[in-house]
Amino acid sequence: MKAIRVHQFGGPEVLQLQEVEVPRPGSDEVLIRVKAAGVNPYDTYMRSGAYGARNPNLPYTPGSDAAGTVEEVGAAAGHLKTGMRVYTTGTLSGAYAEFALCKPDQLQPLPERITYGQGAGIYVPYATAYRSLFQLANAKPGETILVHGASGGVGIAAIQWARAVGLKVIGTAGTEKGMQLIREQGAEHCFNHRAPDYQQKILDATAGRGLDVILEMLANVNLGHDLKMLAHRGRVVVVGSRGDVQITPRDLMAREARILAVFLWSIPADDAIEVHAALQAGLKNGSLQPIVGSELPLASAPEAHRRILEPGALGKIVLIP
């Protein structure tokens, strides 16, 4: 089978398309035929060796999000049947490949109304957004949230979750196309985060009250400014950061505010069950609809890793084996 392999940490060029043997599932494992693999920012951090204790052993195949069909089931792998449509919440062997090994609990049913490309953009973005909004920030209907970088995978997921439960959504993007996309997803106000006065415009949109929750995708740039836009007892959830940042603690103290942070891979088992149940309900009733911005062939994994860190994201980047 064809798979992307990484033999040394480095830039996108270390992603190499190679022929490798199809893995065989053990008794408690499942082999899936990958129809689409999702590309996430953390994939790039892992590839560069910047993911700390979670850096994989070399060589490895990147990727945790995929969608496809069950190809082969180990004797002790439970209820899964050959041919079932599934999406992954992780893999044993990597998602950037024609086949991937998984544990049964890493597979969730993919509703018929969701394409394989969309399925590859479910778990990391939608679980991250759900955990950030509801399990960490405890966002409640009627509250106002700001989603920074709302046109990317996690941002779109957050808007859709928020819209489904009655939150008021303000979103930012860096292009006109991005702002149009988040309007279509249900954001009530959209602002270009490249404009010099966008923070004041956001506060004006809340009539000066401030924001109850901010989902922050680039904390090293925005966190200090975020704290000045919070309402009393507001919360910032750090979803992503690419460096250090300086803040003024008194901005927190004056508002009795909180800074929280999400790391999806440390989610407790009970919280994961809640996330999966909410995801299944939202995918089936149509309130959740992953947006695929571009589909690229598997060999274009280096290009996908370049694009996902560029400004102006529009939905998910998906690799097609």
C-alpha atoms as a PDB file:
ATOM      1  CA  MET A   1       0.000   0.000   0.000  1.00  0.00           C
ATOM      2  CA  LYS A   2       0.986   3.645  -0.328  1.00  0.00           C
ATOM      3  CA  ALA A   3       1.675   5.567   2.857  1.00  0.00           C
ATOM      4  CA  ILE A   4       3.375   8.762   3.950  1.00  0.00           C
ATOM      5  CA  ARG A   5       6.438   7.997   6.082  1.00  0.00           C
ATOM      6  CA  VAL A   6       8.584  10.287   8.207  1.00  0.00           C
ATOM      7  CA  HIS A   7      12.145   9.065   8.838  1.00  0.00           C
ATOM      8  CA  GLN A   8      13.465  12.237  10.482  1.00  0.00           C
ATOM      9  CA  PHE A   9      11.889  15.285  12.089  1.00  0.00           C
ATOM     10  CA  GLY A  10      11.922  18.421   9.985  1.00  0.00           C
ATOM     11  CA  GLY A  11       9.999  20.511   7.480  1.00  0.00           C
ATOM     12  CA  PRO A  12       7.217  19.355   5.145  1.00  0.00           C
ATOM     13  CA  GLU A  13       9.811  17.838   2.812  1.00  0.00           C
ATOM     14  CA  VAL A  14      10.366  14.931   5.252  1.00  0.00           C
ATOM     15  CA  LEU A  15       6.898  13.600   4.359  1.00  0.00           C
ATOM     16  CA  GLN A  16       7.715  10.840   1.863  1.00  0.00           C
ATOM     17  CA  LEU A  17       5.255   8.736  -0.132  1.00  0.00           C
ATOM     18  CA  GLN A  18       6.408   5.110   0.026  1.00  0.00           C
ATOM     19  CA  GLU A  19       5.227   1.573  -0.652  1.00  0.00           C
ATOM     20  CA  VAL A  20       4.844  -0.413   2.562  1.00  0.00           C
ATOM     21  CA  GLU A  21       3.138  -3.645   3.541  1.00  0.00           C
ATOM     22  CA  VAL A  22      -0.525  -3.569   4.464  1.00  0.00           C
ATOM     23  CA  PRO A  23      -0.674  -4.046   8.254  1.00  0.00           C
ATOM     24  CA  ARG A  24      -2.441  -7.124   9.573  1.00  0.00           C
ATOM     25  CA  PRO A  25      -4.816  -6.683  12.517  1.00  0.00           C
ATOM     26  CA  GLY A  26      -4.242  -8.535  15.752  1.00  0.00           C
ATOM     27  CA  SER A  27      -7.108 -10.236  17.546  1.00  0.00           C
ATOM     28  CA  ASP A  28      -8.274  -6.988  19.189  1.00  0.00           C
ATOM     29  CA  GLU A  29      -7.555  -4.703  16.221  1.00  0.00           C
ATOM     30  CA  VAL A  30      -9.373  -3.516  13.112  1.00  0.00           C
ATOM     31  CA  LEU A  31      -7.995  -2.697   9.671  1.00  0.00           C
ATOM     32  CA  ILE A  32      -9.767   0.084   7.797  1.00  0.00           C
ATOM     33  CA  ARG A  33      -9.497   1.109   4.166  1.00  0.00           C
ATOM     34  CA  VAL A  34      -8.840   4.847   4.298  1.00  0.00           C
ATOM     35  CA  LYS A  35     -10.982   6.882   1.924  1.00  0.00           C
ATOM     36  CA  ALA A  36      -9.829  10.254   3.272  1.00  0.00           C
ATOM     37  CA  ALA A  37      -7.385  11.491   5.925  1.00  0.00           C
ATOM     38  CA  GLY A  38      -7.707  14.808   7.733  1.00  0.00           C
ATOM     39  CA  VAL A  39      -4.761  17.162   8.182  1.00  0.00           C
ATOM     40  CA  ASN A  40      -4.539  18.957  11.542  1.00  0.00           C
ATOM     41  CA  PRO A  41      -2.094  21.608  12.775  1.00  0.00           C
ATOM     42  CA  TYR A  42      -0.776  19.255  15.455  1.00  0.00           C
ATOM     43  CA  ASP A  43       0.335  16.899  12.654  1.00  0.00           C
ATOM     44  CA  THR A  44       2.833  19.567  11.616  1.00  0.00           C
ATOM     45  CA  TYR A  45       4.148  20.057  15.159  1.00  0.00           C
ATOM     46  CA  MET A  46       4.662  16.298  15.509  1.00  0.00           C
ATOM     47  CA  ARG A  47       6.387  16.085  12.117  1.00  0.00           C
ATOM     48  CA  SER A  48       8.822  18.824  13.132  1.00  0.00           C
ATOM     49  CA  GLY A  49       9.603  17.136  16.466  1.00  0.00           C
ATOM     50  CA  ALA A  50       8.027  19.971  18.452  1.00  0.00           C
ATOM     51  CA  TYR A  51       5.289  17.968  20.204  1.00  0.00           C
ATOM     52  CA  GLY A  52       7.281  17.154  23.320  1.00  0.00           C
ATOM     53  CA  ALA A  53       6.509  13.891  25.052  1.00  0.00           C
ATOM     54  CA  ARG A  54       4.038  12.923  22.327  1.00  0.00           C
ATOM     55  CA  ASN A  55       6.626  12.948  19.558  1.00  0.00           C
ATOM     56  CA  PRO A  56       6.384   9.537  17.840  1.00  0.00           C
ATOM     57  CA  ASN A  57       9.167   7.022  17.408  1.00  0.00           C
ATOM     58  CA  LEU A  58      10.756   7.210  13.960  1.00  0.00           C
ATOM     59  CA  PRO A  59       9.867   6.213  11.328  1.00  0.00           C
ATOM     60  CA  TYR A  60       6.137   6.769  11.493  1.00  0.00           C
ATOM     61  CA  THR A  61       3.049   7.560   9.419  1.00  0.00           C
ATOM     62  CA  PRO A  62       1.291  10.811  10.458  1.00  0.00           C
ATOM     63  CA  GLY A  63      -2.368  11.411  11.047  1.00  0.00           C
ATOM     64  CA  SER A  64      -5.117  10.440  13.484  1.00  0.00           C
ATOM     65  CA  ASP A  65      -8.277  11.563  11.658  1.00  0.00           C
ATOM     66  CA  ALA A  66      -9.550   9.383   8.826  1.00  0.00           C
ATOM     67  CA  ALA A  67     -12.759   8.040   7.347  1.00  0.00           C
ATOM     68  CA  GLY A  68     -13.295   4.863   5.390  1.00  0.00           C
ATOM     69  CA  THR A  69     -14.644   1.337   5.606  1.00  0.00           C
ATOM     70  CA  VAL A  70     -13.842  -1.626   7.813  1.00  0.00           C
ATOM     71  CA  GLU A  71     -11.621  -4.004   5.824  1.00  0.00           C
ATOM     72  CA  GLU A  72     -10.741  -6.719   8.349  1.00  0.00           C
ATOM     73  CA  VAL A  73     -11.734  -7.373  11.957  1.00  0.00           C
ATOM     74  CA  GLY A  74      -9.707  -9.258  14.559  1.00  0.00           C
ATOM     75  CA  ALA A  75     -11.390 -12.186  16.303  1.00  0.00           C
ATOM     76  CA  ALA A  76     -11.763 -10.270  19.584  1.00  0.00           C
ATOM     77  CA  ALA A  77     -12.487  -6.838  18.095  1.00  0.00           C
ATOM     78  CA  GLY A  78     -16.171  -6.762  19.009  1.00  0.00           C
ATOM     79  CA  HIS A  79     -19.208  -5.629  17.055  1.00  0.00           C
ATOM     80  CA  LEU A  80     -17.535  -4.121  13.975  1.00  0.00           C
ATOM     81  CA  LYS A  81     -18.328  -5.708  10.622  1.00  0.00           C
ATOM     82  CA  THR A  82     -16.530  -5.657   7.279  1.00  0.00           C
ATOM     83  CA  GLY A  83     -17.799  -2.864   5.052  1.00  0.00           C
ATOM     84  CA  MET A  84     -19.030  -0.563   7.860  1.00  0.00           C
ATOM     85  CA  ARG A  85     -18.550   3.157   7.262  1.00  0.00           C
ATOM     86  CA  VAL A  86     -16.458   4.625  10.083  1.00  0.00           C
ATOM     87  CA  TYR A  87     -14.412   7.616  11.124  1.00  0.00           C
ATOM     88  CA  THR A  88     -11.425   7.456  13.436  1.00  0.00           C
ATOM     89  CA  THR A  89     -10.613   9.123  16.735  1.00  0.00           C
ATOM     90  CA  GLY A  90      -7.022   7.928  16.450  1.00  0.00           C
ATOM     91  CA  THR A  91      -5.094   5.113  14.812  1.00  0.00           C
ATOM     92  CA  LEU A  92      -2.338   2.662  15.671  1.00  0.00           C
ATOM     93  CA  SER A  93      -0.485   2.922  12.383  1.00  0.00           C
ATOM     94  CA  GLY A  94      -1.224   6.440  11.051  1.00  0.00           C
ATOM     95  CA  ALA A  95      -3.974   7.880   8.872  1.00  0.00           C
ATOM     96  CA  TYR A  96      -1.924   9.151   5.901  1.00  0.00           C
ATOM     97  CA  ALA A  97      -2.120   5.792   4.144  1.00  0.00           C
ATOM     98  CA  GLU A  98      -4.360   3.549   2.076  1.00  0.00           C
ATOM     99  CA  PHE A  99      -5.008   1.339   5.121  1.00  0.00           C
ATOM    100  CA  ALA A 100      -4.813   1.998   8.855  1.00  0.00           C
ATOM    101  CA  LEU A 101      -4.867  -0.167  11.957  1.00  0.00           C
ATOM    102  CA  CYS A 102      -7.126   0.894  14.818  1.00  0.00           C
ATOM    103  CA  LYS A 103      -8.391  -0.308  18.152  1.00  0.00           C
ATOM    104  CA  PRO A 104     -12.179  -0.809  18.136  1.00  0.00           C
ATOM    105  CA  ASP A 105     -12.658   2.120  20.522  1.00  0.00           C
ATOM    106  CA  GLN A 106     -10.903   4.393  18.003  1.00  0.00           C
ATOM    107  CA  LEU A 107     -13.720   3.907  15.500  1.00  0.00           C
ATOM    108  CA  GLN A 108     -17.111   5.594  15.366  1.00  0.00           C
ATOM    109  CA  PRO A 109     -19.942   5.001  12.870  1.00  0.00           C
ATOM    110  CA  LEU A 110     -20.028   7.459   9.969  1.00  0.00           C
ATOM    111  CA  PRO A 111     -23.608   8.465   9.127  1.00  0.00           C
ATOM    112  CA  GLU A 112     -24.644   7.999   5.506  1.00  0.00           C
ATOM    113  CA  ARG A 113     -25.303  11.719   5.104  1.00  0.00           C
ATOM    114  CA  ILE A 114     -21.624  12.509   5.825  1.00  0.00           C
ATOM    115  CA  THR A 115     -19.081  12.004   3.029  1.00  0.00           C
ATOM    116  CA  TYR A 116     -15.730  10.350   3.629  1.00  0.00           C
ATOM    117  CA  GLY A 117     -14.007  13.701   3.103  1.00  0.00           C
ATOM    118  CA  GLN A 118     -16.197  15.262   5.766  1.00  0.00           C
ATOM    119  CA  GLY A 119     -15.668  12.249   8.014  1.00  0.00           C
ATOM    120  CA  ALA A 120     -11.917  12.854   7.929  1.00  0.00           C
ATOM    121  CA  GLY A 121     -12.578  16.294   9.404  1.00  0.00           C
ATOM    122  CA  ILE A 122     -14.687  15.240  12.367  1.00  0.00           C
ATOM    123  CA  TYR A 123     -12.837  14.156  15.460  1.00  0.00           C
ATOM    124  CA  VAL A 124      -9.971  16.529  16.205  1.00  0.00           C
ATOM    125  CA  PRO A 125     -11.810  19.741  15.177  1.00  0.00           C
ATOM    126  CA  TYR A 126     -15.245  18.905  16.572  1.00  0.00           C
ATOM    127  CA  ALA A 127     -14.085  17.205  19.762  1.00  0.00           C
ATOM    128  CA  THR A 128     -11.660  20.068  20.446  1.00  0.00           C
ATOM    129  CA  ALA A 129     -14.405  22.651  19.938  1.00  0.00           C
ATOM    130  CA  TYR A 130     -16.909  20.752  22.089  1.00  0.00           C
ATOM    131  CA  ARG A 131     -14.451  20.216  24.926  1.00  0.00           C
ATOM    132  CA  SER A 132     -13.357  23.861  24.803  1.00  0.00           C
ATOM    133  CA  LEU A 133     -16.848  25.336  24.793  1.00  0.00           C
ATOM    134  CA  PHE A 134     -18.800  23.019  27.053  1.00  0.00           C
ATOM    135  CA  GLN A 135     -16.507  20.872  29.180  1.00  0.00           C
ATOM    136  CA  LEU A 136     -13.905  23.543  29.968  1.00  0.00           C
ATOM    137  CA  ALA A 137     -15.557  26.960  29.509  1.00  0.00           C
ATOM    138  CA  ASN A 138     -19.061  25.738  30.502  1.00  0.00           C
ATOM    139  CA  ALA A 139     -20.621  27.998  27.868  1.00  0.00           C
ATOM    140  CA  LYS A 140     -24.361  28.519  28.363  1.00  0.00           C
ATOM    141  CA  PRO A 141     -27.170  29.464  25.937  1.00  0.00           C
ATOM    142  CA  GLY A 142     -27.433  33.230  25.609  1.00  0.00           C
ATOM    143  CA  GLU A 143     -23.752  33.887  26.245  1.00  0.00           C
ATOM    144  CA  THR A 144     -21.610  35.622  23.630  1.00  0.00           C
ATOM    145  CA  ILE A 145     -18.503  33.879  22.314  1.00  0.00           C
ATOM    146  CA  LEU A 146     -15.663  34.997  20.075  1.00  0.00           C
ATOM    147  CA  VAL A 147     -14.053  32.421  17.814  1.00  0.00           C
ATOM    148  CA  HIS A 148     -10.672  33.664  16.626  1.00  0.00           C
ATOM    149  CA  GLY A 149      -9.631  32.176  13.285  1.00  0.00           C
ATOM    150  CA  ALA A 150     -13.169  30.922  12.808  1.00  0.00           C
ATOM    151  CA  SER A 151     -12.787  29.854   9.164  1.00  0.00           C
ATOM    152  CA  GLY A 152     -10.526  26.881   9.976  1.00  0.00           C
ATOM    153  CA  GLY A 153     -11.566  23.383  11.049  1.00  0.00           C
ATOM    154  CA  VAL A 154     -11.894  24.005  14.800  1.00  0.00           C
ATOM    155  CA  GLY A 155     -13.404  27.444  14.209  1.00  0.00           C
ATOM    156  CA  ILE A 156     -16.167  26.146  11.962  1.00  0.00           C
ATOM    157  CA  ALA A 157     -16.857  23.310  14.394  1.00  0.00           C
ATOM    158  CA  ALA A 158     -17.145  25.809  17.248  1.00  0.00           C
ATOM    159  CA  ILE A 159     -19.620  27.982  15.334  1.00  0.00           C
ATOM    160  CA  GLN A 160     -21.792  24.983  14.524  1.00  0.00           C
ATOM    161  CA  TRP A 161     -21.779  23.723  18.129  1.00  0.00           C
ATOM    162  CA  ALA A 162     -22.512  27.216  19.427  1.00  0.00           C
ATOM    163  CA  ARG A 163     -25.343  27.809  16.971  1.00  0.00           C
ATOM    164  CA  ALA A 164     -26.929  24.487  17.934  1.00  0.00           C
ATOM    165  CA  VAL A 165     -27.244  25.413  21.630  1.00  0.00           C
ATOM    166  CA  GLY A 166     -28.154  29.100  21.402  1.00  0.00           C
ATOM    167  CA  LEU A 167     -24.873  30.914  21.905  1.00  0.00           C
ATOM    168  CA  LYS A 168     -24.309  34.264  20.229  1.00  0.00           C
ATOM    169  CA  VAL A 169     -21.280  33.983  17.931  1.00  0.00           C
ATOM    170  CA  ILE A 170     -18.722  36.559  16.835  1.00  0.00           C
ATOM    171  CA  GLY A 171     -16.034  35.267  14.490  1.00  0.00           C
ATOM    172  CA  THR A 172     -12.835  36.548  12.940  1.00  0.00           C
ATOM    173  CA  ALA A 173     -11.066  35.587   9.737  1.00  0.00           C
ATOM    174  CA  GLY A 174      -8.263  37.051   7.660  1.00  0.00           C
ATOM    175  CA  THR A 175      -9.941  37.233   4.246  1.00  0.00           C
ATOM    176  CA  GLU A 176     -13.277  38.224   2.722  1.00  0.00           C
ATOM    177  CA  LYS A 177     -13.865  34.589   1.715  1.00  0.00           C
ATOM    178  CA  GLY A 178     -13.203  33.499   5.268  1.00  0.00           C
ATOM    179  CA  MET A 179     -15.644  36.029   6.678  1.00  0.00           C
ATOM    180  CA  GLN A 180     -18.283  34.994   4.166  1.00  0.00           C
ATOM    181  CA  LEU A 181     -17.828  31.358   5.170  1.00  0.00           C
ATOM    182  CA  ILE A 182     -18.301  32.020   8.873  1.00  0.00           C
ATOM    183  CA  ARG A 183     -21.377  34.151   8.159  1.00  0.00           C
ATOM    184  CA  GLU A 184     -22.823  31.210   6.263  1.00  0.00           C
ATOM    185  CA  GLN A 185     -22.109  28.972   9.250  1.00  0.00           C
ATOM    186  CA  GLY A 186     -24.111  31.212  11.550  1.00  0.00           C
ATOM    187  CA  ALA A 187     -21.811  33.849  13.056  1.00  0.00           C
ATOM    188  CA  GLU A 188     -23.849  36.952  13.874  1.00  0.00           C
ATOM    189  CA  HIS A 189     -20.872  39.311  13.523  1.00  0.00           C
ATOM    190  CA  CYS A 190     -17.697  38.836  11.482  1.00  0.00           C
ATOM    191  CA  PHE A 191     -14.510  40.882  11.610  1.00  0.00           C
ATOM    192  CA  ASN A 192     -11.207  40.808   9.766  1.00  0.00           C
ATOM    193  CA  HIS A 193      -8.497  40.215  12.370  1.00  0.00           C
ATOM    194  CA  ARG A 194      -5.989  41.967  10.124  1.00  0.00           C
ATOM    195  CA  ALA A 195      -7.809  45.293  10.502  1.00  0.00           C
ATOM    196  CA  PRO A 196      -6.148  47.584  13.079  1.00  0.00           C
ATOM    197  CA  ASP A 197      -9.401  48.408  14.899  1.00  0.00           C
ATOM    198  CA  TYR A 198     -11.099  44.998  14.879  1.00  0.00           C
ATOM    199  CA  GLN A 199     -10.861  44.537  18.671  1.00  0.00           C
ATOM    200  CA  GLN A 200     -12.781  47.750  19.304  1.00  0.00           C
ATOM    201  CA  LYS A 201     -15.382  46.698  16.759  1.00  0.00           C
ATOM    202  CA  ILE A 202     -15.837  43.419  18.596  1.00  0.00           C
ATOM    203  CA  LEU A 203     -16.404  45.252  21.882  1.00  0.00           C
ATOM    204  CA  ASP A 204     -18.833  47.608  20.152  1.00  0.00           C
ATOM    205  CA  ALA A 205     -20.779  44.573  18.891  1.00  0.00           C
ATOM    206  CA  THR A 206     -21.289  43.534  22.546  1.00  0.00           C
ATOM    207  CA  ALA A 207     -22.425  47.075  23.464  1.00  0.00           C
ATOM    208  CA  GLY A 208     -19.287  47.336  25.567  1.00  0.00           C
ATOM    209  CA  ARG A 209     -20.202  44.407  27.820  1.00  0.00           C
ATOM    210  CA  GLY A 210     -17.424  42.150  26.572  1.00  0.00           C
ATOM    211  CA  LEU A 211     -17.238  38.475  25.706  1.00  0.00           C
ATOM    212  CA  ASP A 212     -18.212  35.546  27.873  1.00  0.00           C
ATOM    213  CA  VAL A 213     -15.970  33.041  26.091  1.00  0.00           C
ATOM    214  CA  ILE A 214     -13.098  33.385  23.621  1.00  0.00           C
ATOM    215  CA  LEU A 215     -11.702  30.424  21.683  1.00  0.00           C
ATOM    216  CA  GLU A 216      -8.121  31.378  20.881  1.00  0.00           C
ATOM    217  CA  MET A 217      -6.282  29.629  18.045  1.00  0.00           C
ATOM    218  CA  LEU A 218      -3.111  31.770  18.158  1.00  0.00           C
ATOM    219  CA  ALA A 219      -2.503  32.680  21.778  1.00  0.00           C
ATOM    220  CA  ASN A 220       1.044  33.932  21.274  1.00  0.00           C
ATOM    221  CA  VAL A 221      -0.372  36.784  19.159  1.00  0.00           C
ATOM    222  CA  ASN A 222      -3.786  37.456  20.673  1.00  0.00           C
ATOM    223  CA  LEU A 223      -3.982  36.387  24.317  1.00  0.00           C
ATOM    224  CA  GLY A 224      -2.960  39.723  25.817  1.00  0.00           C
ATOM    225  CA  HIS A 225      -5.616  41.503  23.765  1.00  0.00           C
ATOM    226  CA  ASP A 226      -8.224  38.839  24.516  1.00  0.00           C
ATOM    227  CA  LEU A 227      -8.096  39.529  28.236  1.00  0.00           C
ATOM    228  CA  LYS A 228      -9.077  43.146  27.653  1.00  0.00           C
ATOM    229  CA  MET A 229     -12.211  42.054  25.741  1.00  0.00           C
ATOM    230  CA  LEU A 230     -13.644  39.695  28.362  1.00  0.00           C
ATOM    231  CA  ALA A 231     -16.853  40.296  30.266  1.00  0.00           C
ATOM    232  CA  HIS A 232     -16.971  39.810  34.033  1.00  0.00           C
ATOM    233  CA  ARG A 233     -16.050  36.187  34.768  1.00  0.00           C
ATOM    234  CA  GLY A 234     -15.220  35.645  31.114  1.00  0.00           C
ATOM    235  CA  ARG A 235     -13.130  32.702  29.970  1.00  0.00           C
ATOM    236  CA  VAL A 236     -10.440  32.293  27.329  1.00  0.00           C
ATOM    237  CA  VAL A 237      -9.749  28.782  26.074  1.00  0.00           C
ATOM    238  CA  VAL A 238      -6.352  28.423  24.425  1.00  0.00           C
ATOM    239  CA  VAL A 239      -6.717  26.018  21.494  1.00  0.00           C
ATOM    240  CA  GLY A 240      -3.424  26.815  19.769  1.00  0.00           C
ATOM    241  CA  SER A 241      -0.200  28.748  20.301  1.00  0.00           C
ATOM    242  CA  ARG A 242       3.077  28.966  18.434  1.00  0.00           C
ATOM    243  CA  GLY A 243       5.242  30.765  20.954  1.00  0.00           C
ATOM    244  CA  ASP A 244       5.423  32.788  24.151  1.00  0.00           C
ATOM    245  CA  VAL A 245       3.185  35.709  25.086  1.00  0.00           C
ATOM    246  CA  GLN A 246       3.165  38.488  27.675  1.00  0.00           C
ATOM    247  CA  ILE A 247      -0.065  39.258  29.514  1.00  0.00           C
ATOM    248  CA  THR A 248      -1.193  41.711  32.189  1.00  0.00           C
ATOM    249  CA  PRO A 249      -2.607  39.715  35.130  1.00  0.00           C
ATOM    250  CA  ARG A 250      -4.655  42.702  36.308  1.00  0.00           C
ATOM    251  CA  ASP A 251      -6.791  42.313  33.176  1.00  0.00           C
ATOM    252  CA  LEU A 252      -7.814  38.951  34.606  1.00  0.00           C
ATOM    253  CA  MET A 253      -8.154  40.168  38.170  1.00  0.00           C
ATOM    254  CA  ALA A 254     -10.422  43.094  37.351  1.00  0.00           C
ATOM    255  CA  ARG A 255     -12.822  40.749  35.559  1.00  0.00           C
ATOM    256  CA  GLU A 256     -12.420  37.701  37.812  1.00  0.00           C
ATOM    257  CA  ALA A 257     -11.668  35.986  34.515  1.00  0.00           C
ATOM    258  CA  ARG A 258      -9.987  32.687  33.676  1.00  0.00           C
ATOM    259  CA  ILE A 259      -7.544  31.323  31.111  1.00  0.00           C
ATOM    260  CA  LEU A 260      -8.138  27.671  30.253  1.00  0.00           C
ATOM    261  CA  ALA A 261      -6.419  25.417  27.738  1.00  0.00           C
ATOM    262  CA  VAL A 262      -7.387  22.304  25.812  1.00  0.00           C
ATOM    263  CA  PHE A 263      -5.267  19.247  25.026  1.00  0.00           C
ATOM    264  CA  LEU A 264      -7.530  16.699  23.401  1.00  0.00           C
ATOM    265  CA  TRP A 265      -5.261  13.714  24.003  1.00  0.00           C
ATOM    266  CA  SER A 266      -5.643  13.993  27.781  1.00  0.00           C
ATOM    267  CA  ILE A 267      -9.450  13.884  27.780  1.00  0.00           C
ATOM    268  CA  PRO A 268     -10.819  11.606  30.549  1.00  0.00           C
ATOM    269  CA  ALA A 269     -12.790   8.542  29.482  1.00  0.00           C
ATOM    270  CA  ASP A 270     -16.126   9.806  30.821  1.00  0.00           C
ATOM    271  CA  ASP A 271     -15.728  13.115  29.000  1.00  0.00           C
ATOM    272  CA  ALA A 272     -14.837  11.257  25.785  1.00  0.00           C
ATOM    273  CA  ILE A 273     -18.086   9.275  26.003  1.00  0.00           C
ATOM    274  CA  GLU A 274     -20.000  12.555  26.274  1.00  0.00           C
ATOM    275  CA  VAL A 275     -18.174  13.986  23.254  1.00  0.00           C
ATOM    276  CA  HIS A 276     -18.892  10.916  21.105  1.00  0.00           C
ATOM    277  CA  ALA A 277     -22.581  10.951  22.027  1.00  0.00           C
ATOM    278  CA  ALA A 278     -22.890  14.645  21.187  1.00  0.00           C
ATOM    279  CA  LEU A 279     -21.029  14.146  17.902  1.00  0.00           C
ATOM    280  CA  GLN A 280     -23.268  11.291  16.801  1.00  0.00           C
ATOM    281  CA  ALA A 281     -26.395  13.297  17.588  1.00  0.00           C
ATOM    282  CA  GLY A 282     -25.154  16.405  15.781  1.00  0.00           C
ATOM    283  CA  LEU A 283     -23.993  14.503  12.694  1.00  0.00           C
ATOM    284  CA  LYS A 284     -27.287  12.654  12.418  1.00  0.00           C
ATOM    285  CA  ASN A 285     -29.595  15.635  12.954  1.00  0.00           C
ATOM    286  CA  GLY A 286     -27.636  17.911  10.631  1.00  0.00           C
ATOM    287  CA  SER A 287     -26.512  20.542  13.130  1.00  0.00           C
ATOM    288  CA  LEU A 288     -22.905  19.481  12.488  1.00  0.00           C
ATOM    289  CA  GLN A 289     -21.681  19.596   8.903  1.00  0.00           C
ATOM    290  CA  PRO A 290     -17.897  19.479   8.390  1.00  0.00           C
ATOM    291  CA  ILE A 291     -16.674  21.816   5.667  1.00  0.00           C
ATOM    292  CA  VAL A 292     -13.941  20.473   3.379  1.00  0.00           C
ATOM    293  CA  GLY A 293     -11.914  23.333   1.975  1.00  0.00           C
ATOM    294  CA  SER A 294      -9.624  21.279  -0.260  1.00  0.00           C
ATOM    295  CA  GLU A 295      -8.929  17.672  -1.143  1.00  0.00           C
ATOM    296  CA  LEU A 296      -5.390  16.774  -2.160  1.00  0.00           C
ATOM    297  CA  PRO A 297      -3.833  13.477  -3.258  1.00  0.00           C
ATOM    298  CA  LEU A 298      -1.832  11.599  -0.624  1.00  0.00           C
ATOM    299  CA  ALA A 299       1.413  12.504  -2.390  1.00  0.00           C
ATOM    300  CA  SER A 300       0.641  16.176  -1.715  1.00  0.00           C
ATOM    301  CA  ALA A 301       0.991  15.786   2.057  1.00  0.00           C
ATOM    302  CA  PRO A 302       3.952  18.242   2.122  1.00  0.00           C
ATOM    303  CA  GLU A 303       1.785  20.873   0.411  1.00  0.00           C
ATOM    304  CA  ALA A 304      -1.042  20.189   2.856  1.00  0.00           C
ATOM    305  CA  HIS A 305       1.331  20.759   5.797  1.00  0.00           C
ATOM    306  CA  ARG A 306       2.431  24.069   4.294  1.00  0.00           C
ATOM    307  CA  ARG A 307      -1.116  25.249   3.647  1.00  0.00           C
ATOM    308  CA  ILE A 308      -2.537  24.434   7.064  1.00  0.00           C
ATOM    309  CA  LEU A 309      -0.182  26.886   8.792  1.00  0.00           C
ATOM    310  CA  GLU A 310      -0.835  29.697   6.317  1.00  0.00           C
ATOM    311  CA  PRO A 311      -3.340  32.480   7.059  1.00  0.00           C
ATOM    312  CA  GLY A 312      -6.705  32.373   5.344  1.00  0.00           C
ATOM    313  CA  ALA A 313      -7.879  28.846   6.183  1.00  0.00           C
ATOM    314  CA  LEU A 314     -11.184  27.797   4.620  1.00  0.00           C
ATOM    315  CA  GLY A 315     -12.443  24.561   6.161  1.00  0.00           C
ATOM    316  CA  LYS A 316     -10.546  21.286   6.414  1.00  0.00           C
ATOM    317  CA  ILE A 317      -7.650  20.073   4.276  1.00  0.00           C
ATOM    318  CA  VAL A 318      -8.131  16.421   3.416  1.00  0.00           C
ATOM    319  CA  LEU A 319      -5.789  13.885   1.790  1.00  0.00           C
ATOM    320  CA  ILE A 320      -7.241  11.278  -0.585  1.00  0.00           C
ATOM    321  CA  PRO A 321      -5.205   8.023  -0.849  1.00  0.00           C
END
